[in-house]
N, C-alpha and C. Protein backbone atom coordinates (compact mmCIF):
# COMPACT_ATOMS: atom_id res chain seq x y z
N MET A 1 142.53 113.68 89.38
CA MET A 1 141.24 112.93 88.82
C MET A 1 140.16 113.25 89.92
N PRO A 2 139.15 113.96 90.20
CA PRO A 2 138.48 114.17 91.20
C PRO A 2 137.59 112.60 92.01
N ARG A 3 137.65 112.81 93.16
CA ARG A 3 137.09 111.47 93.64
C ARG A 3 135.79 111.36 93.42
N VAL A 4 135.31 110.17 93.35
CA VAL A 4 134.01 110.02 93.14
C VAL A 4 133.28 109.71 94.29
N SER A 5 132.31 110.28 94.77
CA SER A 5 131.63 110.14 96.18
C SER A 5 130.79 108.96 96.52
N ASP A 6 130.38 108.42 97.61
CA ASP A 6 130.03 107.33 97.71
C ASP A 6 128.74 107.45 97.26
N ALA A 7 127.64 108.50 97.39
CA ALA A 7 126.43 108.91 97.08
C ALA A 7 126.34 108.61 95.51
N TYR A 8 127.35 109.13 94.40
CA TYR A 8 127.45 109.19 93.27
C TYR A 8 127.54 107.57 93.22
N ARG A 9 128.57 107.07 93.60
CA ARG A 9 128.56 105.11 93.25
C ARG A 9 126.88 104.50 93.42
N GLN A 10 126.57 105.08 94.57
CA GLN A 10 125.38 104.39 94.93
C GLN A 10 124.32 104.69 93.85
N ALA A 11 124.11 105.90 93.49
CA ALA A 11 123.15 106.31 92.44
C ALA A 11 123.40 105.24 91.26
N ARG A 12 124.81 105.39 90.87
CA ARG A 12 125.16 104.57 89.50
C ARG A 12 124.65 103.12 89.82
N ARG A 13 124.92 102.50 90.93
CA ARG A 13 124.40 101.48 91.17
C ARG A 13 123.06 101.15 91.05
N ASP A 14 122.32 101.96 91.76
CA ASP A 14 120.99 101.95 91.77
C ASP A 14 120.29 102.17 90.10
N GLU A 15 121.06 102.82 89.21
CA GLU A 15 120.79 103.01 88.21
C GLU A 15 121.17 101.72 86.98
N ILE A 16 121.88 100.88 87.46
CA ILE A 16 122.31 99.81 86.87
C ILE A 16 121.11 98.54 87.09
N VAL A 17 120.87 98.61 88.80
CA VAL A 17 119.77 97.57 88.87
C VAL A 17 118.44 97.86 88.35
N ALA A 18 118.29 99.23 88.19
CA ALA A 18 117.03 99.62 87.68
C ALA A 18 116.78 99.05 85.95
N ALA A 19 118.16 99.55 85.50
CA ALA A 19 118.15 99.02 83.86
C ALA A 19 117.98 97.38 83.92
N ALA A 20 118.29 96.82 84.82
CA ALA A 20 118.44 95.28 84.85
C ALA A 20 116.77 94.86 84.97
N LEU A 21 116.28 95.41 86.09
CA LEU A 21 114.88 95.30 86.15
C LEU A 21 113.98 95.64 85.07
N ARG A 22 114.19 96.68 84.21
CA ARG A 22 113.55 97.13 82.86
C ARG A 22 113.97 95.81 82.11
N VAL A 23 115.09 95.38 81.77
CA VAL A 23 115.26 94.09 80.82
C VAL A 23 114.43 93.23 81.46
N LEU A 24 114.02 92.70 82.71
CA LEU A 24 113.74 91.79 83.23
C LEU A 24 112.14 91.60 82.98
N ARG A 25 111.69 92.72 82.90
CA ARG A 25 110.18 92.78 82.49
C ARG A 25 109.96 92.71 81.10
N ARG A 26 110.96 92.42 80.41
CA ARG A 26 110.85 92.17 78.97
C ARG A 26 111.38 90.56 78.60
N ARG A 27 112.09 90.27 79.52
CA ARG A 27 113.00 88.96 79.24
C ARG A 27 113.22 88.04 80.09
N ALA A 28 113.17 86.80 80.03
CA ALA A 28 113.19 85.81 81.31
C ALA A 28 114.84 85.75 81.92
N LEU A 29 114.66 85.47 83.18
CA LEU A 29 115.86 85.60 83.64
C LEU A 29 117.17 85.00 82.95
N ASN A 30 116.68 83.67 82.67
CA ASN A 30 117.85 82.75 82.09
C ASN A 30 118.17 83.65 80.74
N ASP A 31 117.50 84.39 80.14
CA ASP A 31 117.97 85.10 78.99
C ASP A 31 118.75 86.53 79.12
N LEU A 32 118.67 87.06 80.52
CA LEU A 32 119.39 88.13 80.66
C LEU A 32 120.93 88.01 80.56
N THR A 33 121.56 89.14 80.09
CA THR A 33 123.03 89.09 79.59
C THR A 33 123.19 90.38 80.08
N MET A 34 124.66 90.58 80.43
CA MET A 34 125.19 91.93 80.96
C MET A 34 125.09 92.76 79.78
N ALA A 35 125.42 92.31 78.55
CA ALA A 35 125.24 93.08 77.30
C ALA A 35 123.83 93.92 77.35
N ASP A 36 122.81 93.07 77.69
CA ASP A 36 121.47 93.82 77.56
C ASP A 36 121.12 94.71 78.71
N ILE A 37 121.77 94.56 79.89
CA ILE A 37 121.75 95.52 81.08
C ILE A 37 122.77 96.95 80.54
N ILE A 38 123.84 96.44 80.11
CA ILE A 38 124.93 97.61 79.62
C ILE A 38 123.99 98.52 78.61
N GLU A 39 123.42 97.87 77.42
CA GLU A 39 122.58 98.72 76.80
C GLU A 39 121.41 99.36 77.15
N GLU A 40 120.84 98.84 77.92
CA GLU A 40 119.54 99.49 78.71
C GLU A 40 119.90 100.59 79.80
N ALA A 41 121.17 100.44 80.28
CA ALA A 41 121.63 101.53 81.27
C ALA A 41 122.26 102.69 80.35
N GLY A 42 122.68 102.30 79.14
CA GLY A 42 123.04 103.25 78.37
C GLY A 42 124.51 103.78 79.09
N LEU A 43 125.26 102.92 79.46
CA LEU A 43 126.73 103.11 80.06
C LEU A 43 127.41 102.16 79.40
N SER A 44 128.76 102.41 79.54
CA SER A 44 129.94 101.77 78.98
C SER A 44 130.06 100.51 79.66
N ALA A 45 130.49 99.21 79.37
CA ALA A 45 130.61 98.14 79.88
C ALA A 45 131.88 98.47 80.94
N GLY A 46 132.62 99.17 80.85
CA GLY A 46 133.68 99.20 82.04
C GLY A 46 132.89 99.83 83.25
N SER A 47 132.00 100.77 83.02
CA SER A 47 131.35 101.52 83.83
C SER A 47 130.52 100.22 84.79
N VAL A 48 129.55 99.52 84.00
CA VAL A 48 128.67 98.66 84.46
C VAL A 48 129.57 97.62 85.40
N TYR A 49 131.00 96.99 84.65
CA TYR A 49 131.60 95.97 85.38
C TYR A 49 132.35 96.72 86.38
N SER A 50 132.44 98.08 86.51
CA SER A 50 133.18 98.72 87.79
C SER A 50 132.35 98.41 89.14
N HIS A 51 131.07 98.41 88.57
CA HIS A 51 130.07 98.17 89.96
C HIS A 51 129.82 96.86 90.34
N PHE A 52 129.50 95.89 89.19
CA PHE A 52 129.35 94.74 89.40
C PHE A 52 130.35 93.78 88.74
N ALA A 53 130.74 92.86 89.21
CA ALA A 53 132.11 91.90 88.55
C ALA A 53 131.49 90.75 87.79
N ARG A 54 130.45 90.17 88.43
CA ARG A 54 129.69 89.23 87.57
C ARG A 54 127.83 89.38 87.52
N LYS A 55 127.21 88.65 86.69
CA LYS A 55 125.92 88.89 86.46
C LYS A 55 125.20 88.60 88.11
N ASP A 56 125.41 87.45 88.72
CA ASP A 56 124.89 87.24 89.65
C ASP A 56 125.00 88.06 90.94
N GLU A 57 125.87 88.68 90.93
CA GLU A 57 126.08 89.94 91.88
C GLU A 57 125.27 91.37 91.78
N LEU A 58 124.67 91.46 90.28
CA LEU A 58 123.69 92.25 90.00
C LEU A 58 122.22 92.02 90.44
N ILE A 59 122.29 90.51 89.94
CA ILE A 59 120.94 89.78 90.08
C ILE A 59 120.57 89.75 91.56
N GLU A 60 121.67 89.62 92.57
CA GLU A 60 121.24 89.59 94.01
C GLU A 60 120.37 91.10 94.27
N LEU A 61 121.24 91.92 93.97
CA LEU A 61 120.46 93.13 94.31
C LEU A 61 119.23 93.56 93.81
N VAL A 62 119.03 92.98 92.45
CA VAL A 62 117.78 93.00 91.66
C VAL A 62 116.63 92.44 92.40
N ALA A 63 117.35 91.04 92.84
CA ALA A 63 116.15 90.13 93.78
C ALA A 63 116.04 91.01 95.18
N ALA A 64 116.79 91.67 95.77
CA ALA A 64 116.73 92.22 97.01
C ALA A 64 115.62 93.35 96.67
N GLU A 65 115.80 94.00 95.42
CA GLU A 65 115.14 95.27 95.02
C GLU A 65 113.51 94.84 94.98
N VAL A 66 113.18 93.76 94.11
CA VAL A 66 111.87 93.05 93.95
C VAL A 66 111.10 92.48 94.79
N ILE A 67 112.19 91.48 95.61
CA ILE A 67 111.47 90.76 96.56
C ILE A 67 111.33 91.29 98.01
N GLY A 68 112.23 92.30 98.24
CA GLY A 68 112.29 92.26 99.94
C GLY A 68 112.38 93.94 99.98
N LYS A 69 112.76 94.53 99.05
CA LYS A 69 112.92 96.08 99.58
C LYS A 69 111.54 96.81 99.65
N ARG A 70 110.43 96.27 99.33
CA ARG A 70 109.05 96.93 100.03
C ARG A 70 108.56 96.61 101.27
N LEU A 71 109.44 96.09 102.10
CA LEU A 71 109.11 95.92 103.67
C LEU A 71 108.78 97.08 104.35
N SER A 72 109.23 98.34 103.66
CA SER A 72 108.70 99.53 104.54
C SER A 72 107.24 99.74 104.21
N LEU A 73 106.42 99.09 103.38
CA LEU A 73 104.91 99.54 103.26
C LEU A 73 104.50 98.67 104.38
N LEU A 74 104.96 97.57 105.13
CA LEU A 74 104.55 96.83 106.16
C LEU A 74 104.71 97.76 107.53
N ALA A 75 105.71 98.57 107.69
CA ALA A 75 106.07 99.23 108.95
C ALA A 75 104.90 100.10 109.22
N MET A 76 104.36 100.27 110.39
CA MET A 76 103.71 101.09 110.86
C MET A 76 103.86 101.75 112.07
N PRO A 77 104.05 103.03 112.11
CA PRO A 77 104.07 104.06 113.13
C PRO A 77 103.46 103.51 114.45
N ASP A 78 104.18 103.76 115.62
CA ASP A 78 103.50 103.11 116.93
C ASP A 78 102.02 104.29 117.07
N ASP A 79 102.17 105.18 116.64
CA ASP A 79 100.67 105.93 117.20
C ASP A 79 99.80 105.69 116.35
N GLU A 80 99.68 104.56 115.25
CA GLU A 80 98.48 104.25 114.38
C GLU A 80 98.22 102.95 115.15
N PRO A 81 96.59 102.65 114.65
CA PRO A 81 96.00 101.34 115.54
C PRO A 81 96.53 100.33 114.81
N ALA A 82 96.50 99.30 115.43
CA ALA A 82 97.11 97.92 114.83
C ALA A 82 96.01 97.41 113.32
N ARG A 83 96.60 97.20 112.75
CA ARG A 83 95.79 96.55 111.35
C ARG A 83 95.67 94.97 111.26
N SER A 84 94.60 94.95 111.15
CA SER A 84 94.22 93.32 110.96
C SER A 84 95.20 92.63 110.00
N PRO A 85 95.45 91.29 109.90
CA PRO A 85 96.40 90.72 108.85
C PRO A 85 95.40 91.06 107.41
N ARG A 86 94.33 90.92 107.52
CA ARG A 86 93.86 91.16 105.85
C ARG A 86 94.16 92.71 105.57
N GLU A 87 94.10 93.49 106.50
CA GLU A 87 94.52 94.91 106.10
C GLU A 87 95.89 95.15 105.49
N VAL A 88 96.75 94.31 106.37
CA VAL A 88 98.05 94.34 106.20
C VAL A 88 98.58 93.87 104.58
N VAL A 89 97.73 92.66 104.40
CA VAL A 89 98.17 92.21 103.18
C VAL A 89 97.64 93.12 102.18
N ARG A 90 96.51 93.42 102.61
CA ARG A 90 96.01 94.21 101.16
C ARG A 90 96.66 95.32 101.08
N ARG A 91 97.23 96.15 101.97
CA ARG A 91 98.35 97.20 101.98
C ARG A 91 99.46 96.91 101.28
N TRP A 92 99.84 95.89 101.59
CA TRP A 92 101.44 95.23 100.89
C TRP A 92 101.09 94.98 99.40
N LEU A 93 100.29 94.21 99.18
CA LEU A 93 99.79 94.14 97.81
C LEU A 93 99.59 95.23 96.76
N VAL A 94 98.87 96.10 97.31
CA VAL A 94 98.30 97.31 96.72
C VAL A 94 99.62 98.10 96.24
N GLY A 95 100.43 98.26 97.74
CA GLY A 95 101.65 98.87 97.57
C GLY A 95 102.51 98.33 96.53
N LEU A 96 102.75 97.09 96.34
CA LEU A 96 103.55 96.54 95.42
C LEU A 96 103.09 96.67 94.01
N GLU A 97 102.00 96.75 93.66
CA GLU A 97 101.22 97.15 92.45
C GLU A 97 101.62 98.46 92.12
N GLN A 98 101.42 99.27 93.12
CA GLN A 98 101.45 100.84 92.72
C GLN A 98 102.96 101.23 92.45
N ALA A 99 103.74 100.31 93.19
CA ALA A 99 105.09 100.61 93.00
C ALA A 99 105.72 99.96 91.68
N GLY A 100 104.90 99.33 91.21
CA GLY A 100 105.09 98.51 89.68
C GLY A 100 106.07 97.26 89.89
N ILE A 101 106.18 96.68 90.77
CA ILE A 101 106.97 95.21 91.18
C ILE A 101 106.41 94.58 90.12
N PRO A 102 107.58 94.10 89.12
CA PRO A 102 106.70 93.29 88.10
C PRO A 102 106.56 91.53 88.62
N PHE A 103 105.48 91.27 88.78
CA PHE A 103 105.18 90.15 89.56
C PHE A 103 105.80 89.02 88.96
N ALA A 104 105.75 89.00 87.27
CA ALA A 104 106.58 87.97 86.83
C ALA A 104 108.00 87.78 86.95
N THR A 105 108.54 88.85 87.23
CA THR A 105 109.96 88.75 87.56
C THR A 105 110.11 88.06 88.93
N VAL A 106 109.33 88.21 90.08
CA VAL A 106 109.17 87.76 91.22
C VAL A 106 109.21 86.28 91.22
N VAL A 107 108.19 85.79 90.32
CA VAL A 107 108.17 84.35 90.03
C VAL A 107 109.28 83.65 89.46
N GLN A 108 110.06 84.44 88.66
CA GLN A 108 111.04 84.00 87.83
C GLN A 108 112.25 83.47 88.97
N PHE A 109 112.20 84.73 89.90
CA PHE A 109 113.40 84.26 91.04
C PHE A 109 112.83 83.25 91.81
N TRP A 110 111.48 82.90 92.11
CA TRP A 110 111.32 82.03 93.17
C TRP A 110 111.60 80.54 92.42
N GLY A 111 111.16 80.72 90.92
CA GLY A 111 111.61 79.38 89.98
C GLY A 111 113.16 78.99 89.90
N GLU A 112 113.97 80.05 90.13
CA GLU A 112 115.41 80.21 89.90
C GLU A 112 115.93 79.53 90.99
N ALA A 113 115.08 79.80 92.21
CA ALA A 113 115.52 79.66 93.66
C ALA A 113 115.30 77.86 93.73
N ALA A 114 114.49 77.42 93.08
CA ALA A 114 114.10 75.86 93.14
C ALA A 114 115.76 74.95 92.83
N PHE A 115 116.30 75.65 91.84
CA PHE A 115 117.56 74.78 91.40
C PHE A 115 118.72 75.77 91.68
N ASP A 116 119.14 76.94 91.89
CA ASP A 116 120.14 77.62 91.97
C ASP A 116 120.16 77.77 93.43
N PRO A 117 121.26 77.24 94.08
CA PRO A 117 121.74 77.58 95.56
C PRO A 117 121.82 79.10 96.21
N THR A 118 122.23 79.78 95.11
CA THR A 118 122.69 81.05 95.56
C THR A 118 121.29 81.79 95.43
N MET A 119 120.64 81.82 94.38
CA MET A 119 119.29 82.28 94.56
C MET A 119 118.35 81.94 95.68
N ARG A 120 118.30 80.47 95.92
CA ARG A 120 117.71 80.22 97.06
C ARG A 120 117.81 80.71 98.43
N GLU A 121 119.19 80.92 98.55
CA GLU A 121 119.79 82.00 99.85
C GLU A 121 119.15 83.30 99.73
N ILE A 122 118.98 83.89 98.43
CA ILE A 122 118.57 85.33 98.44
C ILE A 122 117.23 85.11 98.67
N VAL A 123 116.37 84.39 98.04
CA VAL A 123 114.88 84.47 98.38
C VAL A 123 114.44 83.80 99.84
N GLN A 124 115.26 82.91 100.40
CA GLN A 124 115.05 82.83 101.53
C GLN A 124 115.09 83.64 102.55
N ARG A 125 116.15 84.34 102.36
CA ARG A 125 116.55 85.70 102.92
C ARG A 125 115.41 86.58 102.87
N ARG A 126 114.95 86.88 102.03
CA ARG A 126 113.95 87.93 101.65
C ARG A 126 112.55 87.47 102.18
N MET A 127 112.23 86.46 101.65
CA MET A 127 110.85 85.85 102.14
C MET A 127 110.95 85.82 103.70
N SER A 128 112.02 85.50 104.78
CA SER A 128 112.09 85.54 105.62
C SER A 128 111.87 87.05 106.34
N ASP A 129 112.41 87.79 105.95
CA ASP A 129 112.40 89.14 106.17
C ASP A 129 110.69 89.71 106.17
N ILE A 130 110.02 89.21 104.91
CA ILE A 130 108.68 89.64 104.94
C ILE A 130 108.11 88.92 105.82
N GLU A 131 108.08 87.51 106.04
CA GLU A 131 107.48 86.71 107.02
C GLU A 131 107.50 87.30 108.57
N ARG A 132 108.69 87.76 108.97
CA ARG A 132 108.75 88.42 110.06
C ARG A 132 108.15 89.46 110.45
N ALA A 133 108.20 90.43 109.06
CA ALA A 133 107.39 91.80 109.41
C ALA A 133 105.80 91.61 109.29
N PHE A 134 105.18 90.45 108.59
CA PHE A 134 104.08 90.16 108.80
C PHE A 134 103.84 89.38 110.28
N ALA A 135 104.73 88.61 110.69
CA ALA A 135 104.34 88.23 112.24
C ALA A 135 104.63 89.47 113.19
N ALA A 136 105.28 90.70 112.92
CA ALA A 136 105.25 91.55 114.20
C ALA A 136 104.06 92.42 113.67
N ALA A 137 103.38 92.57 112.67
CA ALA A 137 102.06 93.23 112.52
C ALA A 137 100.87 92.13 113.06
N ALA A 138 101.20 90.97 112.85
CA ALA A 138 99.99 90.05 113.42
C ALA A 138 100.03 90.12 114.74
N GLU A 139 101.10 90.01 115.45
CA GLU A 139 101.36 90.15 116.68
C GLU A 139 100.78 91.12 117.43
N ARG A 140 101.01 92.44 116.84
CA ARG A 140 100.68 93.93 117.14
C ARG A 140 98.89 93.74 117.37
N TRP A 141 98.55 93.30 116.08
CA TRP A 141 96.90 93.30 115.98
C TRP A 141 96.39 92.14 117.10
N LEU A 142 96.97 91.22 117.09
CA LEU A 142 96.50 90.11 118.21
C LEU A 142 96.41 90.51 119.48
N ILE A 143 97.70 91.30 119.91
CA ILE A 143 97.58 92.13 121.43
C ILE A 143 96.36 93.06 121.44
N ALA A 144 96.42 93.97 120.47
CA ALA A 144 95.40 94.95 120.45
C ALA A 144 93.84 94.29 120.37
N GLU A 145 93.88 93.11 120.10
CA GLU A 145 92.50 92.49 119.99
C GLU A 145 92.00 91.63 121.04
N GLY A 146 93.13 91.37 121.95
CA GLY A 146 93.03 91.04 123.42
C GLY A 146 93.44 89.51 123.02
N ARG A 147 94.07 88.92 122.15
CA ARG A 147 94.07 87.47 121.78
C ARG A 147 95.49 87.03 121.79
N GLU A 148 95.60 85.80 121.74
CA GLU A 148 97.19 85.04 122.43
C GLU A 148 98.25 85.66 121.05
N PRO A 149 98.71 86.41 121.33
CA PRO A 149 99.89 86.66 120.58
C PRO A 149 100.90 85.49 119.93
N ALA A 150 100.90 84.69 120.61
CA ALA A 150 101.74 83.37 120.15
C ALA A 150 101.33 82.58 119.03
N THR A 151 99.90 83.02 118.39
CA THR A 151 99.66 82.55 116.91
C THR A 151 99.85 83.50 115.83
N ALA A 152 100.90 84.78 116.01
CA ALA A 152 101.24 85.42 115.05
C ALA A 152 102.02 84.71 114.06
N PRO A 153 103.30 83.98 114.36
CA PRO A 153 104.06 83.09 113.21
C PRO A 153 102.92 82.17 112.30
N THR A 154 102.02 81.77 112.94
CA THR A 154 101.06 80.85 111.64
C THR A 154 100.49 81.65 111.07
N THR A 155 99.83 82.88 111.50
CA THR A 155 98.91 84.10 111.03
C THR A 155 100.03 84.61 109.82
N ALA A 156 101.38 84.82 110.19
CA ALA A 156 102.32 85.32 109.36
C ALA A 156 102.49 84.41 108.12
N LEU A 157 102.60 83.14 108.29
CA LEU A 157 103.00 82.16 107.29
C LEU A 157 101.27 82.10 106.20
N ALA A 158 100.31 82.11 106.98
CA ALA A 158 98.97 82.09 106.10
C ALA A 158 99.14 83.61 105.35
N MET A 159 99.73 84.63 105.81
CA MET A 159 99.70 85.82 105.19
C MET A 159 100.39 85.96 103.87
N LEU A 160 101.50 85.43 104.30
CA LEU A 160 102.57 85.28 103.23
C LEU A 160 102.36 84.20 102.28
N THR A 161 101.91 83.39 102.55
CA THR A 161 101.30 82.34 101.58
C THR A 161 100.14 82.50 100.49
N PHE A 162 99.14 83.55 101.17
CA PHE A 162 98.08 84.31 100.54
C PHE A 162 98.48 85.22 99.53
N CYS A 163 99.82 85.88 99.86
CA CYS A 163 100.40 86.85 99.01
C CYS A 163 101.22 86.11 97.74
N GLN A 164 101.95 85.14 98.10
CA GLN A 164 102.42 84.29 96.95
C GLN A 164 101.53 83.84 96.10
N GLY A 165 100.56 83.29 96.58
CA GLY A 165 99.47 82.78 95.49
C GLY A 165 98.94 83.92 94.77
N TYR A 166 98.57 84.90 95.04
CA TYR A 166 98.23 86.12 94.38
C TYR A 166 98.99 86.56 93.44
N ILE A 167 100.50 86.79 93.90
CA ILE A 167 101.60 87.31 92.95
C ILE A 167 101.52 86.23 91.73
N VAL A 168 101.52 84.94 92.21
CA VAL A 168 101.72 84.08 91.06
C VAL A 168 100.19 84.16 89.84
N ARG A 169 99.22 84.51 90.49
CA ARG A 169 97.88 84.30 89.80
C ARG A 169 98.16 85.58 88.89
N SER A 170 98.92 86.69 89.30
CA SER A 170 98.88 88.18 88.56
C SER A 170 99.85 88.14 87.60
N ALA A 171 100.91 87.05 88.04
CA ALA A 171 102.09 87.12 86.52
C ALA A 171 101.29 85.98 85.71
N VAL A 172 100.55 85.26 85.92
CA VAL A 172 100.40 83.94 85.22
C VAL A 172 99.05 84.47 84.21
N LEU A 173 98.07 84.95 85.20
CA LEU A 173 96.95 85.27 84.53
C LEU A 173 96.30 86.97 84.29
N GLY A 174 97.23 87.68 84.85
CA GLY A 174 97.21 89.23 84.45
C GLY A 174 96.51 89.41 85.77
N ALA A 175 96.40 91.27 85.85
CA ALA A 175 95.93 91.66 86.93
C ALA A 175 94.79 91.22 87.58
N GLN A 176 95.03 90.92 88.86
CA GLN A 176 93.95 90.70 89.92
C GLN A 176 93.10 91.66 90.89
N ASP A 177 91.98 91.19 91.10
CA ASP A 177 91.70 92.20 92.25
C ASP A 177 91.54 91.87 93.61
N VAL A 178 92.63 92.67 94.18
CA VAL A 178 93.02 92.46 95.54
C VAL A 178 91.84 92.06 96.55
N ASP A 179 90.95 92.82 96.65
CA ASP A 179 89.70 92.83 97.30
C ASP A 179 88.97 91.72 97.10
N ALA A 180 88.57 91.33 95.85
CA ALA A 180 88.09 90.16 95.28
C ALA A 180 88.60 89.06 96.05
N SER A 181 90.06 88.90 95.66
CA SER A 181 90.54 87.93 96.35
C SER A 181 90.51 87.74 97.84
N LEU A 182 90.87 88.76 98.71
CA LEU A 182 90.72 88.72 100.09
C LEU A 182 89.38 88.33 100.52
N ALA A 183 88.32 88.69 99.59
CA ALA A 183 86.98 88.42 100.23
C ALA A 183 86.73 87.16 100.78
N ALA A 184 87.18 86.27 100.01
CA ALA A 184 86.92 84.70 100.44
C ALA A 184 87.85 83.96 101.58
N ILE A 185 88.56 84.65 102.21
CA ILE A 185 89.10 84.33 103.13
C ILE A 185 89.04 85.19 104.29
N ASP A 186 89.65 84.60 105.34
CA ASP A 186 89.72 85.24 106.76
C ASP A 186 91.03 84.90 107.38
N LEU A 187 92.06 86.04 107.21
CA LEU A 187 93.29 86.23 107.66
C LEU A 187 93.33 86.93 109.37
N SER A 188 92.10 87.08 109.79
CA SER A 188 92.24 87.72 110.99
C SER A 188 91.39 86.74 111.98
N ARG A 189 91.92 85.52 111.79
CA ARG A 189 91.52 84.49 112.80
C ARG A 189 92.51 84.27 113.99
N GLY A 190 93.99 84.48 113.40
CA GLY A 190 95.03 84.33 114.28
C GLY A 190 95.24 82.92 114.77
């Protein structure tokens, strides 16, 4: 029997995670079953279980995909000028929307984190990653503006808090206007 490459295994895992994410766009996290994922992926149960022994293993990867994987949207090449916190927040939220991140699923993960210690750890880890990326962007901007970079962590917290509010509003009330939402606040005071 030929050996399966690591790339093939990773592609199959990604396919299963994508299937779980598609199901979560239609169904609540608590209602999600491995049978739903197996059906959505169009794979055999054995194939899915060979990659994920338990549902929470799979949910952890889905949470990583949904909550934290879009950190690349915050990375800026060194040769680009620093962006204000407001510009960084706008770029990130627009990027999440363009990538089709289901905000209702993000809110489900946050809600589950309030009661499930495993999900809390996942969410805290991903949110910390995002906050650190916001702090790095804010620090770069503050330095470029000749301002005190020590305020970057509090600016990052404000940026993250704004994003969380925007995501909740979008999940509950439907699509929001990023620019109109940002117009009322000033994240650039540092």
